[in-house]
Amino acid sequence: MYHKHTGYIGNMRSFSFEKLQQRAPGRVVELA
């Protein structure tokens, strides 16, 4: 699971590997 904080209190977004791979394949490499 990958996590991203949106900047607002209590807003943490989580993405699975498959979902992140579909949306932005290059982002998986950046976060590795």
Protein backbone atom coordinates (compact mmCIF):
# COMPACT_ATOMS: atom_id res chain seq x y z
CA MET A 1 0.00 0.00 0.00
CA TYR A 2 1.13 3.49 -0.83
CA HIS A 3 0.01 6.46 1.25
CA LYS A 4 -0.35 10.15 0.42
CA HIS A 5 -1.24 13.00 2.75
CA THR A 6 -3.46 15.63 1.13
CA GLY A 7 -2.43 18.44 3.47
CA TYR A 8 -5.69 18.56 5.40
CA ILE A 9 -6.05 17.27 8.94
CA GLY A 10 -6.99 13.60 8.92
CA ASN A 11 -6.85 13.15 5.14
CA MET A 12 -4.61 10.20 4.34
CA ARG A 13 -5.16 8.52 0.97
CA SER A 14 -4.10 4.92 0.39
CA PHE A 15 -3.52 3.25 -2.97
CA SER A 16 -2.85 -0.37 -3.79
CA PHE A 17 -0.02 -1.27 -6.16
CA GLU A 18 -2.43 -2.29 -8.93
CA LYS A 19 -4.45 0.93 -8.75
CA LEU A 20 -1.35 3.12 -8.73
CA GLN A 21 0.14 1.13 -11.62
CA GLN A 22 -2.99 1.81 -13.71
CA ARG A 23 -3.13 5.53 -12.91
CA ALA A 24 0.55 6.47 -13.10
CA PRO A 25 3.07 3.71 -13.94
CA GLY A 26 6.08 6.02 -13.50
CA ARG A 27 5.00 7.02 -10.01
CA VAL A 28 5.60 3.49 -8.69
CA VAL A 29 9.27 3.78 -9.68
CA GLU A 30 9.56 7.22 -8.04
CA LEU A 31 8.16 5.92 -4.75
CA ALA A 32 10.35 2.80 -4.70
